[in-house]
Amino acid sequence: MAAEIMSSIVFTGPLAWTADAACQGRTELFFAPAGERPEARVVRESKARGVCTECAAMAPCRDWARENREYGFWGGESEEERAAAGYRVDMPVGRVARYPKGDGSPVAPRTPRVA
C-alpha cells in the first residue's frame, strides 16, 4: 500500500524530474529490505542499475541523491559509489552508528571476530 501511495505523488519544483523516473512503483529494487544478504544486494542493485540506465531522469536523480545524502540506489549509483565520488549518506545500509559516552562523537562499528 505504501508503494501505491508513493507512486501516486506528483512532485513540482526541484523534484519535478520524478515524473519521468522509470523507477516509479519499483521501490523494492532501490531500497534494501531488512536483513538483505550481500549476494541478494548484488542481484537487486544490478536490476536497479538496468532500470536507471534506461531512465530519462538518471542524471537529476543521481544529483539529488548526492546533494541530499540519500541512502539506497539512486541515479545508477549505490551508497558506496556515491561515497567513492565524495558524497556520503547520513546512515549507510548495513552500518550502525555508535556513540561513546562523553563527547558524543561517532566511532567506527566493531569488526566481527572471525572464528
PDB file of N, CA and C in Angstrom:
ATOM      1  N   MET A   1       0.811  -1.189   0.000  1.00  0.00           N
ATOM      2  CA  MET A   1       0.000   0.000   0.000  1.00  0.00           C
ATOM      3  C   MET A   1       0.862   1.263   0.000  1.00  0.00           C
ATOM      4  N   ALA A   2       1.947   1.259   0.782  1.00  0.00           N
ATOM      5  CA  ALA A   2       2.833   2.428   0.815  1.00  0.00           C
ATOM      6  C   ALA A   2       3.423   2.698  -0.563  1.00  0.00           C
ATOM      7  N   ALA A   3       3.786   1.637  -1.292  1.00  0.00           N
ATOM      8  CA  ALA A   3       4.341   1.814  -2.635  1.00  0.00           C
ATOM      9  C   ALA A   3       3.303   2.435  -3.563  1.00  0.00           C
ATOM     10  N   GLU A   4       2.023   2.053  -3.401  1.00  0.00           N
ATOM     11  CA  GLU A   4       0.965   2.629  -4.223  1.00  0.00           C
ATOM     12  C   GLU A   4       0.817   4.114  -3.939  1.00  0.00           C
ATOM     13  N   ILE A   5       0.872   4.487  -2.673  1.00  0.00           N
ATOM     14  CA  ILE A   5       0.754   5.890  -2.296  1.00  0.00           C
ATOM     15  C   ILE A   5       1.927   6.678  -2.860  1.00  0.00           C
ATOM     16  N   MET A   6       3.135   6.164  -2.691  1.00  0.00           N
ATOM     17  CA  MET A   6       4.322   6.874  -3.168  1.00  0.00           C
ATOM     18  C   MET A   6       4.308   7.027  -4.682  1.00  0.00           C
ATOM     19  N   SER A   7       3.797   6.045  -5.412  1.00  0.00           N
ATOM     20  CA  SER A   7       3.816   6.136  -6.864  1.00  0.00           C
ATOM     21  C   SER A   7       2.777   7.122  -7.387  1.00  0.00           C
ATOM     22  N   SER A   8       1.819   7.539  -6.543  1.00  0.00           N
ATOM     23  CA  SER A   8       0.798   8.477  -6.991  1.00  0.00           C
ATOM     24  C   SER A   8       1.131   9.927  -6.633  1.00  0.00           C
ATOM     25  N   ILE A   9       2.225  10.165  -5.928  1.00  0.00           N
ATOM     26  CA  ILE A   9       2.615  11.523  -5.555  1.00  0.00           C
ATOM     27  C   ILE A   9       3.255  12.213  -6.756  1.00  0.00           C
ATOM     28  N   VAL A  10       2.856  13.445  -7.016  1.00  0.00           N
ATOM     29  CA  VAL A  10       3.435  14.230  -8.105  1.00  0.00           C
ATOM     30  C   VAL A  10       4.205  15.389  -7.482  1.00  0.00           C
ATOM     31  N   PHE A  11       5.496  15.446  -7.761  1.00  0.00           N
ATOM     32  CA  PHE A  11       6.345  16.499  -7.222  1.00  0.00           C
ATOM     33  C   PHE A  11       6.482  17.634  -8.232  1.00  0.00           C
ATOM     34  N   THR A  12       6.667  18.839  -7.708  1.00  0.00           N
ATOM     35  CA  THR A  12       6.936  20.001  -8.549  1.00  0.00           C
ATOM     36  C   THR A  12       8.240  20.627  -8.070  1.00  0.00           C
ATOM     37  N   GLY A  13       8.696  21.639  -8.757  1.00  0.00           N
ATOM     38  CA  GLY A  13       9.924  22.319  -8.347  1.00  0.00           C
ATOM     39  C   GLY A  13      11.139  21.445  -8.532  1.00  0.00           C
ATOM     40  N   PRO A  14      12.026  21.389  -7.499  1.00  0.00           N
ATOM     41  CA  PRO A  14      13.283  20.662  -7.661  1.00  0.00           C
ATOM     42  C   PRO A  14      13.113  19.156  -7.842  1.00  0.00           C
ATOM     43  N   LEU A  15      11.932  18.625  -7.549  1.00  0.00           N
ATOM     44  CA  LEU A  15      11.705  17.185  -7.716  1.00  0.00           C
ATOM     45  C   LEU A  15      10.836  16.863  -8.933  1.00  0.00           C
ATOM     46  N   ALA A  16      10.639  17.818  -9.815  1.00  0.00           N
ATOM     47  CA  ALA A  16       9.798  17.596 -10.990  1.00  0.00           C
ATOM     48  C   ALA A  16      10.319  16.459 -11.871  1.00  0.00           C
ATOM     49  N   TRP A  17      11.619  16.200 -11.829  1.00  0.00           N
ATOM     50  CA  TRP A  17      12.214  15.121 -12.624  1.00  0.00           C
ATOM     51  C   TRP A  17      11.618  13.762 -12.272  1.00  0.00           C
ATOM     52  N   THR A  18      11.038  13.617 -11.083  1.00  0.00           N
ATOM     53  CA  THR A  18      10.487  12.317 -10.678  1.00  0.00           C
ATOM     54  C   THR A  18       9.326  11.884 -11.562  1.00  0.00           C
ATOM     55  N   ALA A  19       8.680  12.833 -12.250  1.00  0.00           N
ATOM     56  CA  ALA A  19       7.576  12.478 -13.146  1.00  0.00           C
ATOM     57  C   ALA A  19       8.055  11.596 -14.292  1.00  0.00           C
ATOM     58  N   ASP A  20       9.317  11.734 -14.671  1.00  0.00           N
ATOM     59  CA  ASP A  20       9.884  10.946 -15.769  1.00  0.00           C
ATOM     60  C   ASP A  20      10.662   9.724 -15.295  1.00  0.00           C
ATOM     61  N   ALA A  21      10.694   9.484 -14.001  1.00  0.00           N
ATOM     62  CA  ALA A  21      11.510   8.401 -13.440  1.00  0.00           C
ATOM     63  C   ALA A  21      10.940   7.024 -13.778  1.00  0.00           C
ATOM     64  N   ALA A  22      11.785   6.161 -14.305  1.00  0.00           N
ATOM     65  CA  ALA A  22      11.384   4.801 -14.677  1.00  0.00           C
ATOM     66  C   ALA A  22      11.181   3.902 -13.464  1.00  0.00           C
ATOM     67  N   CYS A  23      11.637   4.342 -12.305  1.00  0.00           N
ATOM     68  CA  CYS A  23      11.574   3.513 -11.100  1.00  0.00           C
ATOM     69  C   CYS A  23      10.243   3.605 -10.371  1.00  0.00           C
ATOM     70  N   GLN A  24       9.348   4.448 -10.803  1.00  0.00           N
ATOM     71  CA  GLN A  24       8.082   4.636 -10.098  1.00  0.00           C
ATOM     72  C   GLN A  24       7.385   3.302  -9.862  1.00  0.00           C
ATOM     73  N   GLY A  25       7.022   3.065  -8.596  1.00  0.00           N
ATOM     74  CA  GLY A  25       6.340   1.833  -8.228  1.00  0.00           C
ATOM     75  C   GLY A  25       7.251   0.631  -8.059  1.00  0.00           C
ATOM     76  N   ARG A  26       8.561   0.833  -8.093  1.00  0.00           N
ATOM     77  CA  ARG A  26       9.507  -0.290  -8.012  1.00  0.00           C
ATOM     78  C   ARG A  26      10.464  -0.121  -6.836  1.00  0.00           C
ATOM     79  N   THR A  27       9.954   0.386  -5.741  1.00  0.00           N
ATOM     80  CA  THR A  27      10.748   0.682  -4.550  1.00  0.00           C
ATOM     81  C   THR A  27      11.616  -0.485  -4.114  1.00  0.00           C
ATOM     82  N   GLU A  28      11.110  -1.702  -4.244  1.00  0.00           N
ATOM     83  CA  GLU A  28      11.833  -2.884  -3.759  1.00  0.00           C
ATOM     84  C   GLU A  28      13.190  -3.076  -4.427  1.00  0.00           C
ATOM     85  N   LEU A  29      13.400  -2.509  -5.604  1.00  0.00           N
ATOM     86  CA  LEU A  29      14.701  -2.621  -6.274  1.00  0.00           C
ATOM     87  C   LEU A  29      15.717  -1.609  -5.756  1.00  0.00           C
ATOM     88  N   PHE A  30      15.252  -0.514  -5.208  1.00  0.00           N
ATOM     89  CA  PHE A  30      16.127   0.607  -4.902  1.00  0.00           C
ATOM     90  C   PHE A  30      16.452   0.782  -3.425  1.00  0.00           C
ATOM     91  N   PHE A  31      15.738   0.055  -2.569  1.00  0.00           N
ATOM     92  CA  PHE A  31      15.986   0.123  -1.129  1.00  0.00           C
ATOM     93  C   PHE A  31      16.040  -1.286  -0.569  1.00  0.00           C
ATOM     94  N   ALA A  32      17.075  -1.566   0.198  1.00  0.00           N
ATOM     95  CA  ALA A  32      17.308  -2.910   0.736  1.00  0.00           C
ATOM     96  C   ALA A  32      16.263  -3.280   1.783  1.00  0.00           C
ATOM     97  N   PRO A  33      15.763  -4.510   1.709  1.00  0.00           N
ATOM     98  CA  PRO A  33      14.891  -4.982   2.788  1.00  0.00           C
ATOM     99  C   PRO A  33      15.738  -5.295   4.021  1.00  0.00           C
ATOM    100  N   ALA A  34      15.112  -5.327   5.159  1.00  0.00           N
ATOM    101  CA  ALA A  34      15.828  -5.656   6.399  1.00  0.00           C
ATOM    102  C   ALA A  34      16.486  -7.022   6.265  1.00  0.00           C
ATOM    103  N   GLY A  35      17.722  -7.120   6.684  1.00  0.00           N
ATOM    104  CA  GLY A  35      18.438  -8.396   6.684  1.00  0.00           C
ATOM    105  C   GLY A  35      18.887  -8.882   5.319  1.00  0.00           C
ATOM    106  N   GLU A  36      18.943  -8.008   4.329  1.00  0.00           N
ATOM    107  CA  GLU A  36      19.355  -8.436   2.988  1.00  0.00           C
ATOM    108  C   GLU A  36      20.798  -8.936   3.002  1.00  0.00           C
ATOM    109  N   ARG A  37      21.023 -10.083   2.408  1.00  0.00           N
ATOM    110  CA  ARG A  37      22.365 -10.660   2.322  1.00  0.00           C
ATOM    111  C   ARG A  37      23.135  -9.999   1.179  1.00  0.00           C
ATOM    112  N   PRO A  38      24.469  -9.980   1.289  1.00  0.00           N
ATOM    113  CA  PRO A  38      25.289  -9.329   0.256  1.00  0.00           C
ATOM    114  C   PRO A  38      25.028  -9.853  -1.153  1.00  0.00           C
ATOM    115  N   GLU A  39      24.835 -11.163  -1.294  1.00  0.00           N
ATOM    116  CA  GLU A  39      24.594 -11.744  -2.621  1.00  0.00           C
ATOM    117  C   GLU A  39      23.280 -11.230  -3.199  1.00  0.00           C
ATOM    118  N   ALA A  40      22.266 -11.119  -2.349  1.00  0.00           N
ATOM    119  CA  ALA A  40      20.966 -10.617  -2.795  1.00  0.00           C
ATOM    120  C   ALA A  40      21.060  -9.136  -3.162  1.00  0.00           C
ATOM    121  N   ARG A  41      21.885  -8.402  -2.438  1.00  0.00           N
ATOM    122  CA  ARG A  41      22.054  -6.980  -2.738  1.00  0.00           C
ATOM    123  C   ARG A  41      22.676  -6.788  -4.115  1.00  0.00           C
ATOM    124  N   VAL A  42      23.654  -7.618  -4.449  1.00  0.00           N
ATOM    125  CA  VAL A  42      24.295  -7.529  -5.766  1.00  0.00           C
ATOM    126  C   VAL A  42      23.257  -7.738  -6.868  1.00  0.00           C
ATOM    127  N   VAL A  43      22.404  -8.741  -6.705  1.00  0.00           N
ATOM    128  CA  VAL A  43      21.370  -9.037  -7.706  1.00  0.00           C
ATOM    129  C   VAL A  43      20.374  -7.879  -7.792  1.00  0.00           C
ATOM    130  N   ARG A  44      19.900  -7.406  -6.635  1.00  0.00           N
ATOM    131  CA  ARG A  44      18.911  -6.321  -6.604  1.00  0.00           C
ATOM    132  C   ARG A  44      19.475  -5.054  -7.240  1.00  0.00           C
ATOM    133  N   GLU A  45      20.705  -4.687  -6.881  1.00  0.00           N
ATOM    134  CA  GLU A  45      21.295  -3.468  -7.422  1.00  0.00           C
ATOM    135  C   GLU A  45      21.598  -3.587  -8.912  1.00  0.00           C
ATOM    136  N   SER A  46      21.884  -4.789  -9.384  1.00  0.00           N
ATOM    137  CA  SER A  46      22.089  -4.994 -10.816  1.00  0.00           C
ATOM    138  C   SER A  46      20.793  -4.715 -11.582  1.00  0.00           C
ATOM    139  N   LYS A  47      19.683  -5.192 -11.039  1.00  0.00           N
ATOM    140  CA  LYS A  47      18.378  -4.921 -11.663  1.00  0.00           C
ATOM    141  C   LYS A  47      18.057  -3.432 -11.606  1.00  0.00           C
ATOM    142  N   ALA A  48      18.342  -2.802 -10.474  1.00  0.00           N
ATOM    143  CA  ALA A  48      18.096  -1.365 -10.325  1.00  0.00           C
ATOM    144  C   ALA A  48      18.932  -0.575 -11.328  1.00  0.00           C
ATOM    145  N   ARG A  49      20.188  -0.972 -11.491  1.00  0.00           N
ATOM    146  CA  ARG A  49      21.079  -0.283 -12.435  1.00  0.00           C
ATOM    147  C   ARG A  49      20.524  -0.373 -13.859  1.00  0.00           C
ATOM    148  N   GLY A  50      19.949  -1.520 -14.195  1.00  0.00           N
ATOM    149  CA  GLY A  50      19.342  -1.678 -15.515  1.00  0.00           C
ATOM    150  C   GLY A  50      18.186  -0.719 -15.740  1.00  0.00           C
ATOM    151  N   VAL A  51      17.363  -0.520 -14.718  1.00  0.00           N
ATOM    152  CA  VAL A  51      16.256   0.438 -14.808  1.00  0.00           C
ATOM    153  C   VAL A  51      16.813   1.851 -14.951  1.00  0.00           C
ATOM    154  N   CYS A  52      17.809   2.185 -14.149  1.00  0.00           N
ATOM    155  CA  CYS A  52      18.399   3.533 -14.179  1.00  0.00           C
ATOM    156  C   CYS A  52      19.042   3.846 -15.528  1.00  0.00           C
ATOM    157  N   THR A  53      19.712   2.880 -16.102  1.00  0.00           N
ATOM    158  CA  THR A  53      20.426   3.091 -17.361  1.00  0.00           C
ATOM    159  C   THR A  53      19.489   3.543 -18.473  1.00  0.00           C
ATOM    160  N   GLU A  54      18.253   3.058 -18.443  1.00  0.00           N
ATOM    161  CA  GLU A  54      17.269   3.405 -19.471  1.00  0.00           C
ATOM    162  C   GLU A  54      16.416   4.615 -19.091  1.00  0.00           C
ATOM    163  N   CYS A  55      16.680   5.233 -17.956  1.00  0.00           N
ATOM    164  CA  CYS A  55      15.808   6.276 -17.410  1.00  0.00           C
ATOM    165  C   CYS A  55      16.224   7.679 -17.846  1.00  0.00           C
ATOM    166  N   ALA A  56      15.246   8.467 -18.287  1.00  0.00           N
ATOM    167  CA  ALA A  56      15.496   9.849 -18.693  1.00  0.00           C
ATOM    168  C   ALA A  56      15.857  10.740 -17.506  1.00  0.00           C
ATOM    169  N   ALA A  57      15.512  10.312 -16.300  1.00  0.00           N
ATOM    170  CA  ALA A  57      15.755  11.122 -15.100  1.00  0.00           C
ATOM    171  C   ALA A  57      17.015  10.708 -14.344  1.00  0.00           C
ATOM    172  N   MET A  58      17.870   9.890 -14.951  1.00  0.00           N
ATOM    173  CA  MET A  58      19.022   9.359 -14.229  1.00  0.00           C
ATOM    174  C   MET A  58      19.940  10.456 -13.668  1.00  0.00           C
ATOM    175  N   ALA A  59      20.317  11.430 -14.469  1.00  0.00           N
ATOM    176  CA  ALA A  59      21.252  12.468 -14.006  1.00  0.00           C
ATOM    177  C   ALA A  59      20.668  13.319 -12.875  1.00  0.00           C
ATOM    178  N   PRO A  60      19.447  13.852 -12.999  1.00  0.00           N
ATOM    179  CA  PRO A  60      18.930  14.635 -11.871  1.00  0.00           C
ATOM    180  C   PRO A  60      18.666  13.786 -10.630  1.00  0.00           C
ATOM    181  N   CYS A  61      18.339  12.528 -10.819  1.00  0.00           N
ATOM    182  CA  CYS A  61      18.141  11.607  -9.699  1.00  0.00           C
ATOM    183  C   CYS A  61      19.456  11.413  -8.945  1.00  0.00           C
ATOM    184  N   ARG A  62      20.522  11.150  -9.685  1.00  0.00           N
ATOM    185  CA  ARG A  62      21.843  10.982  -9.077  1.00  0.00           C
ATOM    186  C   ARG A  62      22.267  12.254  -8.345  1.00  0.00           C
ATOM    187  N   ASP A  63      22.057  13.404  -8.977  1.00  0.00           N
ATOM    188  CA  ASP A  63      22.428  14.673  -8.356  1.00  0.00           C
ATOM    189  C   ASP A  63      21.638  14.918  -7.073  1.00  0.00           C
ATOM    190  N   TRP A  64      20.350  14.590  -7.091  1.00  0.00           N
ATOM    191  CA  TRP A  64      19.507  14.750  -5.903  1.00  0.00           C
ATOM    192  C   TRP A  64      20.046  13.895  -4.756  1.00  0.00           C
ATOM    193  N   ALA A  65      20.356  12.647  -5.052  1.00  0.00           N
ATOM    194  CA  ALA A  65      20.853  11.738  -4.014  1.00  0.00           C
ATOM    195  C   ALA A  65      22.178  12.221  -3.445  1.00  0.00           C
ATOM    196  N   ARG A  66      23.038  12.708  -4.298  1.00  0.00           N
ATOM    197  CA  ARG A  66      24.338  13.208  -3.835  1.00  0.00           C
ATOM    198  C   ARG A  66      24.167  14.443  -2.953  1.00  0.00           C
ATOM    199  N   GLU A  67      23.350  15.366  -3.387  1.00  0.00           N
ATOM    200  CA  GLU A  67      23.174  16.627  -2.659  1.00  0.00           C
ATOM    201  C   GLU A  67      22.411  16.450  -1.350  1.00  0.00           C
ATOM    202  N   ASN A  68      21.538  15.448  -1.285  1.00  0.00           N
ATOM    203  CA  ASN A  68      20.683  15.264  -0.112  1.00  0.00           C
ATOM    204  C   ASN A  68      21.078  14.079   0.755  1.00  0.00           C
ATOM    205  N   ARG A  69      22.249  13.521   0.492  1.00  0.00           N
ATOM    206  CA  ARG A  69      22.812  12.442   1.318  1.00  0.00           C
ATOM    207  C   ARG A  69      21.836  11.276   1.492  1.00  0.00           C
ATOM    208  N   GLU A  70      21.234  10.864   0.377  1.00  0.00           N
ATOM    209  CA  GLU A  70      20.251   9.788   0.404  1.00  0.00           C
ATOM    210  C   GLU A  70      20.913   8.428   0.560  1.00  0.00           C
ATOM    211  N   TYR A  71      20.174   7.496   1.121  1.00  0.00           N
ATOM    212  CA  TYR A  71      20.600   6.107   1.144  1.00  0.00           C
ATOM    213  C   TYR A  71      19.792   5.366   0.087  1.00  0.00           C
ATOM    214  N   GLY A  72      20.228   4.172  -0.247  1.00  0.00           N
ATOM    215  CA  GLY A  72      19.545   3.407  -1.290  1.00  0.00           C
ATOM    216  C   GLY A  72      20.245   3.589  -2.627  1.00  0.00           C
ATOM    217  N   PHE A  73      19.606   3.105  -3.667  1.00  0.00           N
ATOM    218  CA  PHE A  73      20.156   3.133  -5.017  1.00  0.00           C
ATOM    219  C   PHE A  73      19.454   4.242  -5.791  1.00  0.00           C
ATOM    220  N   TRP A  74      20.181   5.260  -6.201  1.00  0.00           N
ATOM    221  CA  TRP A  74      19.621   6.434  -6.877  1.00  0.00           C
ATOM    222  C   TRP A  74      20.468   6.774  -8.098  1.00  0.00           C
ATOM    223  N   GLY A  75      19.834   7.086  -9.206  1.00  0.00           N
ATOM    224  CA  GLY A  75      20.541   7.591 -10.379  1.00  0.00           C
ATOM    225  C   GLY A  75      21.669   6.703 -10.853  1.00  0.00           C
ATOM    226  N   GLY A  76      21.497   5.398 -10.723  1.00  0.00           N
ATOM    227  CA  GLY A  76      22.516   4.464 -11.173  1.00  0.00           C
ATOM    228  C   GLY A  76      23.665   4.270 -10.211  1.00  0.00           C
ATOM    229  N   GLU A  77      23.555   4.808  -8.991  1.00  0.00           N
ATOM    230  CA  GLU A  77      24.640   4.699  -8.014  1.00  0.00           C
ATOM    231  C   GLU A  77      24.168   4.086  -6.702  1.00  0.00           C
ATOM    232  N   SER A  78      25.020   3.230  -6.164  1.00  0.00           N
ATOM    233  CA  SER A  78      24.796   2.700  -4.822  1.00  0.00           C
ATOM    234  C   SER A  78      25.376   3.689  -3.815  1.00  0.00           C
ATOM    235  N   GLU A  79      25.104   3.454  -2.552  1.00  0.00           N
ATOM    236  CA  GLU A  79      25.676   4.302  -1.497  1.00  0.00           C
ATOM    237  C   GLU A  79      27.200   4.304  -1.557  1.00  0.00           C
ATOM    238  N   GLU A  80      27.778   3.133  -1.792  1.00  0.00           N
ATOM    239  CA  GLU A  80      29.238   3.030  -1.845  1.00  0.00           C
ATOM    240  C   GLU A  80      29.800   3.829  -3.014  1.00  0.00           C
ATOM    241  N   GLU A  81      29.116   3.798  -4.143  1.00  0.00           N
ATOM    242  CA  GLU A  81      29.586   4.551  -5.308  1.00  0.00           C
ATOM    243  C   GLU A  81      29.491   6.059  -5.070  1.00  0.00           C
ATOM    244  N   ARG A  82      28.424   6.495  -4.399  1.00  0.00           N
ATOM    245  CA  ARG A  82      28.327   7.920  -4.063  1.00  0.00           C
ATOM    246  C   ARG A  82      29.424   8.311  -3.084  1.00  0.00           C
ATOM    247  N   ALA A  83      29.695   7.437  -2.121  1.00  0.00           N
ATOM    248  CA  ALA A  83      30.760   7.717  -1.149  1.00  0.00           C
ATOM    249  C   ALA A  83      32.111   7.828  -1.853  1.00  0.00           C
ATOM    250  N   ALA A  84      32.367   6.943  -2.813  1.00  0.00           N
ATOM    251  CA  ALA A  84      33.631   6.985  -3.558  1.00  0.00           C
ATOM    252  C   ALA A  84      33.759   8.272  -4.370  1.00  0.00           C
ATOM    253  N   ALA A  85      32.609   8.841  -4.769  1.00  0.00           N
ATOM    254  CA  ALA A  85      32.610  10.099  -5.518  1.00  0.00           C
ATOM    255  C   ALA A  85      32.660  11.312  -4.586  1.00  0.00           C
ATOM    256  N   GLY A  86      32.713  11.050  -3.272  1.00  0.00           N
ATOM    257  CA  GLY A  86      32.830  12.134  -2.304  1.00  0.00           C
ATOM    258  C   GLY A  86      31.531  12.563  -1.656  1.00  0.00           C
ATOM    259  N   TYR A  87      30.463  11.788  -1.857  1.00  0.00           N
ATOM    260  CA  TYR A  87      29.155  12.114  -1.279  1.00  0.00           C
ATOM    261  C   TYR A  87      28.759  11.007  -0.321  1.00  0.00           C
ATOM    262  N   ARG A  88      28.696  11.306   0.947  1.00  0.00           N
ATOM    263  CA  ARG A  88      28.378  10.302   1.962  1.00  0.00           C
ATOM    264  C   ARG A  88      26.928  10.409   2.398  1.00  0.00           C
ATOM    265  N   VAL A  89      26.342   9.272   2.772  1.00  0.00           N
ATOM    266  CA  VAL A  89      24.979   9.260   3.295  1.00  0.00           C
ATOM    267  C   VAL A  89      25.024   9.435   4.805  1.00  0.00           C
ATOM    268  N   ASP A  90      23.893   9.829   5.388  1.00  0.00           N
ATOM    269  CA  ASP A  90      23.835  10.013   6.839  1.00  0.00           C
ATOM    270  C   ASP A  90      23.956   8.690   7.586  1.00  0.00           C
ATOM    271  N   MET A  91      23.296   7.639   7.111  1.00  0.00           N
ATOM    272  CA  MET A  91      23.334   6.336   7.776  1.00  0.00           C
ATOM    273  C   MET A  91      23.371   5.244   6.707  1.00  0.00           C
ATOM    274  N   PRO A  92      24.559   4.778   6.317  1.00  0.00           N
ATOM    275  CA  PRO A  92      24.659   3.745   5.287  1.00  0.00           C
ATOM    276  C   PRO A  92      23.948   2.458   5.700  1.00  0.00           C
ATOM    277  N   VAL A  93      23.390   1.774   4.732  1.00  0.00           N
ATOM    278  CA  VAL A  93      22.753   0.485   4.984  1.00  0.00           C
ATOM    279  C   VAL A  93      23.814  -0.486   5.471  1.00  0.00           C
ATOM    280  N   GLY A  94      23.481  -1.267   6.482  1.00  0.00           N
ATOM    281  CA  GLY A  94      24.414  -2.258   6.996  1.00  0.00           C
ATOM    282  C   GLY A  94      25.365  -1.722   8.035  1.00  0.00           C
ATOM    283  N   ARG A  95      25.259  -0.462   8.374  1.00  0.00           N
ATOM    284  CA  ARG A  95      26.121   0.131   9.387  1.00  0.00           C
ATOM    285  C   ARG A  95      25.258   0.683  10.505  1.00  0.00           C
ATOM    286  N   VAL A  96      25.760   0.620  11.691  1.00  0.00           N
ATOM    287  CA  VAL A  96      25.070   1.187  12.841  1.00  0.00           C
ATOM    288  C   VAL A  96      25.996   2.218  13.466  1.00  0.00           C
ATOM    289  N   ALA A  97      25.509   3.425  13.616  1.00  0.00           N
ATOM    290  CA  ALA A  97      26.327   4.462  14.245  1.00  0.00           C
ATOM    291  C   ALA A  97      26.429   4.167  15.730  1.00  0.00           C
ATOM    292  N   ARG A  98      27.620   4.273  16.275  1.00  0.00           N
ATOM    293  CA  ARG A  98      27.834   4.072  17.711  1.00  0.00           C
ATOM    294  C   ARG A  98      28.409   5.346  18.278  1.00  0.00           C
ATOM    295  N   TYR A  99      27.901   5.736  19.415  1.00  0.00           N
ATOM    296  CA  TYR A  99      28.373   6.949  20.067  1.00  0.00           C
ATOM    297  C   TYR A  99      28.870   6.602  21.459  1.00  0.00           C
ATOM    298  N   PRO A 100      30.112   6.960  21.765  1.00  0.00           N
ATOM    299  CA  PRO A 100      30.639   6.683  23.099  1.00  0.00           C
ATOM    300  C   PRO A 100      30.025   7.642  24.112  1.00  0.00           C
ATOM    301  N   LYS A 101      30.069   7.260  25.368  1.00  0.00           N
ATOM    302  CA  LYS A 101      29.632   8.186  26.417  1.00  0.00           C
ATOM    303  C   LYS A 101      30.666   9.296  26.485  1.00  0.00           C
ATOM    304  N   GLY A 102      30.219  10.480  26.688  1.00  0.00           N
ATOM    305  CA  GLY A 102      31.169  11.590  26.784  1.00  0.00           C
ATOM    306  C   GLY A 102      30.894  12.646  25.754  1.00  0.00           C
ATOM    307  N   ASP A 103      31.799  12.786  24.787  1.00  0.00           N
ATOM    308  CA  ASP A 103      31.689  13.908  23.852  1.00  0.00           C
ATOM    309  C   ASP A 103      30.655  13.699  22.752  1.00  0.00           C
ATOM    310  N   GLY A 104      30.134  12.492  22.581  1.00  0.00           N
ATOM    311  CA  GLY A 104      29.093  12.235  21.594  1.00  0.00           C
ATOM    312  C   GLY A 104      29.579  12.086  20.170  1.00  0.00           C
ATOM    313  N   SER A 105      30.888  12.052  19.949  1.00  0.00           N
ATOM    314  CA  SER A 105      31.378  11.883  18.586  1.00  0.00           C
ATOM    315  C   SER A 105      31.266  10.418  18.174  1.00  0.00           C
ATOM    316  N   PRO A 106      30.952  10.167  16.889  1.00  0.00           N
ATOM    317  CA  PRO A 106      30.780   8.783  16.445  1.00  0.00           C
ATOM    318  C   PRO A 106      32.100   8.023  16.417  1.00  0.00           C
ATOM    319  N   VAL A 107      32.004   6.729  16.622  1.00  0.00           N
ATOM    320  CA  VAL A 107      33.159   5.844  16.500  1.00  0.00           C
ATOM    321  C   VAL A 107      32.816   4.763  15.494  1.00  0.00           C
ATOM    322  N   ALA A 108      33.832   4.146  14.938  1.00  0.00           N
ATOM    323  CA  ALA A 108      33.611   3.093  13.949  1.00  0.00           C
ATOM    324  C   ALA A 108      32.960   1.882  14.600  1.00  0.00           C
ATOM    325  N   PRO A 109      32.060   1.200  13.862  1.00  0.00           N
ATOM    326  CA  PRO A 109      31.478  -0.020  14.400  1.00  0.00           C
ATOM    327  C   PRO A 109      32.538  -1.091  14.586  1.00  0.00           C
ATOM    328  N   ARG A 110      32.298  -1.998  15.490  1.00  0.00           N
ATOM    329  CA  ARG A 110      33.247  -3.092  15.728  1.00  0.00           C
ATOM    330  C   ARG A 110      33.305  -4.019  14.533  1.00  0.00           C
ATOM    331  N   THR A 111      34.476  -4.563  14.314  1.00  0.00           N
ATOM    332  CA  THR A 111      34.658  -5.560  13.269  1.00  0.00           C
ATOM    333  C   THR A 111      34.334  -6.922  13.864  1.00  0.00           C
ATOM    334  N   PRO A 112      33.474  -7.715  13.187  1.00  0.00           N
ATOM    335  CA  PRO A 112      33.147  -9.030  13.738  1.00  0.00           C
ATOM    336  C   PRO A 112      34.379  -9.921  13.826  1.00  0.00           C
ATOM    337  N   ARG A 113      34.408 -10.742  14.848  1.00  0.00           N
ATOM    338  CA  ARG A 113      35.518 -11.688  15.006  1.00  0.00           C
ATOM    339  C   ARG A 113      35.362 -12.853  14.043  1.00  0.00           C
ATOM    340  N   VAL A 114      36.470 -13.297  13.517  1.00  0.00           N
ATOM    341  CA  VAL A 114      36.476 -14.472  12.648  1.00  0.00           C
ATOM    342  C   VAL A 114      36.939 -15.644  13.489  1.00  0.00           C
ATOM    343  N   ALA A 115      36.126 -16.690  13.533  1.00  0.00           N
ATOM    344  CA  ALA A 115      36.454 -17.853  14.372  1.00  0.00           C
ATOM    345  C   ALA A 115      37.437 -18.760  13.691  1.00  0.00           C
TER     346      ALA A 115
END
